[in-house]
């Protein structure tokens, strides 16, 4: 019964985290990112693939303590509730930095998955 309840809570969190504005057009200079790690409980690590961003927002080098893999120019996803469910690990996407992030509006489980210490709120673009 506990496993069923846990599963239902996780599924509820994913349903609540769908973003109605996933396919928004962006007028600013686009950045390209890659979902490097799609971790449990929305612990996502994103790698900057192209575009100019303040380097202080990124971990220039980060080692995933679970796998020992080193990544360059990465950050943790801050606004996990706004990230589209359809983007899979390894896929690239265009985004801009969300300069006016809102508070999270979804339930997120608390299972631990290492992510970079620096995080950014982003807006996914077409």
C-alpha atoms as a PDB file:
ATOM      1  CA  UNK A   1       0.000   0.000   0.000  1.00  0.00           C
ATOM      2  CA  UNK A   2       2.848   2.380   0.835  1.00  0.00           C
ATOM      3  CA  UNK A   3       4.454   1.743  -2.573  1.00  0.00           C
ATOM      4  CA  UNK A   4       1.157   2.495  -4.308  1.00  0.00           C
ATOM      5  CA  UNK A   5       0.738   5.725  -2.354  1.00  0.00           C
ATOM      6  CA  UNK A   6       4.316   6.768  -3.154  1.00  0.00           C
ATOM      7  CA  UNK A   7       3.760   6.025  -6.828  1.00  0.00           C
ATOM      8  CA  UNK A   8       0.524   8.037  -6.869  1.00  0.00           C
ATOM      9  CA  UNK A   9       2.224  11.012  -5.196  1.00  0.00           C
ATOM     10  CA  UNK A  10       5.016  10.971  -7.764  1.00  0.00           C
ATOM     11  CA  UNK A  11       2.538  10.750 -10.641  1.00  0.00           C
ATOM     12  CA  UNK A  12       0.568  13.649  -9.134  1.00  0.00           C
ATOM     13  CA  UNK A  13       3.762  15.711  -9.001  1.00  0.00           C
ATOM     14  CA  UNK A  14       4.474  15.074 -12.685  1.00  0.00           C
ATOM     15  CA  UNK A  15       0.904  15.947 -13.679  1.00  0.00           C
ATOM     16  CA  UNK A  16       1.064  19.172 -11.685  1.00  0.00           C
ATOM     17  CA  UNK A  17       4.355  20.121 -13.289  1.00  0.00           C
ATOM     18  CA  UNK A  18       3.099  20.402 -16.847  1.00  0.00           C
ATOM     19  CA  UNK A  19       3.643  23.861 -18.244  1.00  0.00           C
ATOM     20  CA  UNK A  20       0.890  25.459 -20.283  1.00  0.00           C
ATOM     21  CA  UNK A  21       3.463  27.686 -21.998  1.00  0.00           C
ATOM     22  CA  UNK A  22       5.923  24.971 -23.096  1.00  0.00           C
ATOM     23  CA  UNK A  23       5.932  26.123 -26.715  1.00  0.00           C
ATOM     24  CA  UNK A  24       6.359  29.826 -26.140  1.00  0.00           C
ATOM     25  CA  UNK A  25       8.244  31.906 -28.740  1.00  0.00           C
ATOM     26  CA  UNK A  26      11.083  33.915 -27.296  1.00  0.00           C
ATOM     27  CA  UNK A  27      12.252  37.254 -28.641  1.00  0.00           C
ATOM     28  CA  UNK A  28      15.578  37.363 -26.790  1.00  0.00           C
ATOM     29  CA  UNK A  29      18.824  35.740 -27.849  1.00  0.00           C
ATOM     30  CA  UNK A  30      18.312  32.028 -27.466  1.00  0.00           C
ATOM     31  CA  UNK A  31      20.549  29.689 -25.569  1.00  0.00           C
ATOM     32  CA  UNK A  32      20.804  26.011 -26.403  1.00  0.00           C
ATOM     33  CA  UNK A  33      20.880  23.496 -23.589  1.00  0.00           C
ATOM     34  CA  UNK A  34      21.039  19.741 -23.227  1.00  0.00           C
ATOM     35  CA  UNK A  35      19.279  17.771 -20.525  1.00  0.00           C
ATOM     36  CA  UNK A  36      22.441  16.088 -19.274  1.00  0.00           C
ATOM     37  CA  UNK A  37      20.823  14.267 -16.353  1.00  0.00           C
ATOM     38  CA  UNK A  38      17.110  13.603 -15.906  1.00  0.00           C
ATOM     39  CA  UNK A  39      17.315  12.615 -12.265  1.00  0.00           C
ATOM     40  CA  UNK A  40      14.679  11.220  -9.951  1.00  0.00           C
ATOM     41  CA  UNK A  41      12.233  13.703  -8.431  1.00  0.00           C
ATOM     42  CA  UNK A  42      12.984  16.366 -11.042  1.00  0.00           C
ATOM     43  CA  UNK A  43      16.634  16.727 -10.022  1.00  0.00           C
ATOM     44  CA  UNK A  44      17.677  17.819 -13.519  1.00  0.00           C
ATOM     45  CA  UNK A  45      21.118  18.920 -14.670  1.00  0.00           C
ATOM     46  CA  UNK A  46      21.318  21.054 -17.798  1.00  0.00           C
ATOM     47  CA  UNK A  47      24.438  21.672 -19.856  1.00  0.00           C
ATOM     48  CA  UNK A  48      24.855  24.864 -21.881  1.00  0.00           C
ATOM     49  CA  UNK A  49      25.586  23.814 -25.462  1.00  0.00           C
ATOM     50  CA  UNK A  50      25.673  27.230 -27.148  1.00  0.00           C
ATOM     51  CA  UNK A  51      24.930  30.867 -26.500  1.00  0.00           C
ATOM     52  CA  UNK A  52      26.286  33.553 -24.216  1.00  0.00           C
ATOM     53  CA  UNK A  53      25.379  33.496 -20.528  1.00  0.00           C
ATOM     54  CA  UNK A  54      26.913  34.980 -17.394  1.00  0.00           C
ATOM     55  CA  UNK A  55      29.565  32.401 -16.478  1.00  0.00           C
ATOM     56  CA  UNK A  56      28.875  33.024 -12.777  1.00  0.00           C
ATOM     57  CA  UNK A  57      25.524  31.265 -13.263  1.00  0.00           C
ATOM     58  CA  UNK A  58      27.205  28.023 -14.368  1.00  0.00           C
ATOM     59  CA  UNK A  59      29.395  25.373 -12.825  1.00  0.00           C
ATOM     60  CA  UNK A  60      32.355  25.480 -15.227  1.00  0.00           C
ATOM     61  CA  UNK A  61      33.208  21.922 -14.228  1.00  0.00           C
ATOM     62  CA  UNK A  62      31.060  19.579 -12.142  1.00  0.00           C
ATOM     63  CA  UNK A  63      31.514  15.886 -11.393  1.00  0.00           C
ATOM     64  CA  UNK A  64      28.419  13.753 -10.860  1.00  0.00           C
ATOM     65  CA  UNK A  65      29.218  11.890  -7.652  1.00  0.00           C
ATOM     66  CA  UNK A  66      26.905   9.008  -8.624  1.00  0.00           C
ATOM     67  CA  UNK A  67      28.653   8.214 -11.917  1.00  0.00           C
ATOM     68  CA  UNK A  68      32.001  10.008 -11.731  1.00  0.00           C
ATOM     69  CA  UNK A  69      31.207  11.719 -15.038  1.00  0.00           C
ATOM     70  CA  UNK A  70      32.557  15.259 -15.442  1.00  0.00           C
ATOM     71  CA  UNK A  71      30.410  17.946 -17.084  1.00  0.00           C
ATOM     72  CA  UNK A  72      31.299  21.460 -18.254  1.00  0.00           C
ATOM     73  CA  UNK A  73      29.054  24.536 -18.126  1.00  0.00           C
ATOM     74  CA  UNK A  74      26.146  22.991 -16.224  1.00  0.00           C
ATOM     75  CA  UNK A  75      23.465  24.102 -13.797  1.00  0.00           C
ATOM     76  CA  UNK A  76      20.619  22.579 -11.853  1.00  0.00           C
ATOM     77  CA  UNK A  77      17.123  23.324 -13.098  1.00  0.00           C
ATOM     78  CA  UNK A  78      15.588  25.722 -10.586  1.00  0.00           C
ATOM     79  CA  UNK A  79      12.017  25.833 -11.893  1.00  0.00           C
ATOM     80  CA  UNK A  80      11.349  22.109 -12.142  1.00  0.00           C
ATOM     81  CA  UNK A  81       7.575  22.573 -12.269  1.00  0.00           C
ATOM     82  CA  UNK A  82       7.825  24.462 -15.559  1.00  0.00           C
ATOM     83  CA  UNK A  83      10.025  22.002 -17.445  1.00  0.00           C
ATOM     84  CA  UNK A  84       8.271  20.026 -20.202  1.00  0.00           C
ATOM     85  CA  UNK A  85       7.866  16.322 -19.448  1.00  0.00           C
ATOM     86  CA  UNK A  86       8.609  15.402 -23.080  1.00  0.00           C
ATOM     87  CA  UNK A  87      12.279  16.430 -23.069  1.00  0.00           C
ATOM     88  CA  UNK A  88      14.397  13.361 -22.469  1.00  0.00           C
ATOM     89  CA  UNK A  89      17.939  12.970 -21.186  1.00  0.00           C
ATOM     90  CA  UNK A  90      20.436  13.817 -23.934  1.00  0.00           C
ATOM     91  CA  UNK A  91      18.006  15.967 -25.925  1.00  0.00           C
ATOM     92  CA  UNK A  92      18.751  19.599 -26.740  1.00  0.00           C
ATOM     93  CA  UNK A  93      16.352  22.528 -26.539  1.00  0.00           C
ATOM     94  CA  UNK A  94      16.316  26.320 -26.809  1.00  0.00           C
ATOM     95  CA  UNK A  95      15.746  28.500 -23.771  1.00  0.00           C
ATOM     96  CA  UNK A  96      16.203  31.898 -22.190  1.00  0.00           C
ATOM     97  CA  UNK A  97      16.976  32.729 -18.575  1.00  0.00           C
ATOM     98  CA  UNK A  98      13.804  33.483 -16.626  1.00  0.00           C
ATOM     99  CA  UNK A  99      14.550  36.869 -15.078  1.00  0.00           C
ATOM    100  CA  UNK A 100      11.311  36.885 -13.045  1.00  0.00           C
ATOM    101  CA  UNK A 101      10.888  33.359 -11.671  1.00  0.00           C
ATOM    102  CA  UNK A 102       7.739  32.544  -9.732  1.00  0.00           C
ATOM    103  CA  UNK A 103       7.394  30.261  -6.745  1.00  0.00           C
ATOM    104  CA  UNK A 104       7.022  26.563  -7.478  1.00  0.00           C
ATOM    105  CA  UNK A 105       3.417  25.444  -7.929  1.00  0.00           C
ATOM    106  CA  UNK A 106       3.730  21.679  -7.822  1.00  0.00           C
ATOM    107  CA  UNK A 107       4.537  18.866  -5.454  1.00  0.00           C
ATOM    108  CA  UNK A 108       8.049  17.465  -5.818  1.00  0.00           C
ATOM    109  CA  UNK A 109       9.279  14.359  -4.018  1.00  0.00           C
ATOM    110  CA  UNK A 110      12.399  14.667  -1.917  1.00  0.00           C
ATOM    111  CA  UNK A 111      14.537  11.768  -3.147  1.00  0.00           C
ATOM    112  CA  UNK A 112      18.153  12.844  -3.443  1.00  0.00           C
ATOM    113  CA  UNK A 113      19.994  12.988  -6.766  1.00  0.00           C
ATOM    114  CA  UNK A 114      23.168  15.090  -6.992  1.00  0.00           C
ATOM    115  CA  UNK A 115      22.924  18.261  -9.074  1.00  0.00           C
ATOM    116  CA  UNK A 116      25.274  21.222  -9.527  1.00  0.00           C
ATOM    117  CA  UNK A 117      25.166  23.756  -6.686  1.00  0.00           C
ATOM    118  CA  UNK A 118      24.266  26.587  -9.066  1.00  0.00           C
ATOM    119  CA  UNK A 119      20.709  26.665 -10.388  1.00  0.00           C
ATOM    120  CA  UNK A 120      18.863  28.756 -12.977  1.00  0.00           C
ATOM    121  CA  UNK A 121      15.194  29.290 -13.731  1.00  0.00           C
ATOM    122  CA  UNK A 122      14.656  29.011 -17.489  1.00  0.00           C
ATOM    123  CA  UNK A 123      11.922  29.392 -20.094  1.00  0.00           C
ATOM    124  CA  UNK A 124      11.795  26.784 -22.864  1.00  0.00           C
ATOM    125  CA  UNK A 125      11.353  28.272 -26.353  1.00  0.00           C
ATOM    126  CA  UNK A 126      10.248  26.993 -29.778  1.00  0.00           C
END
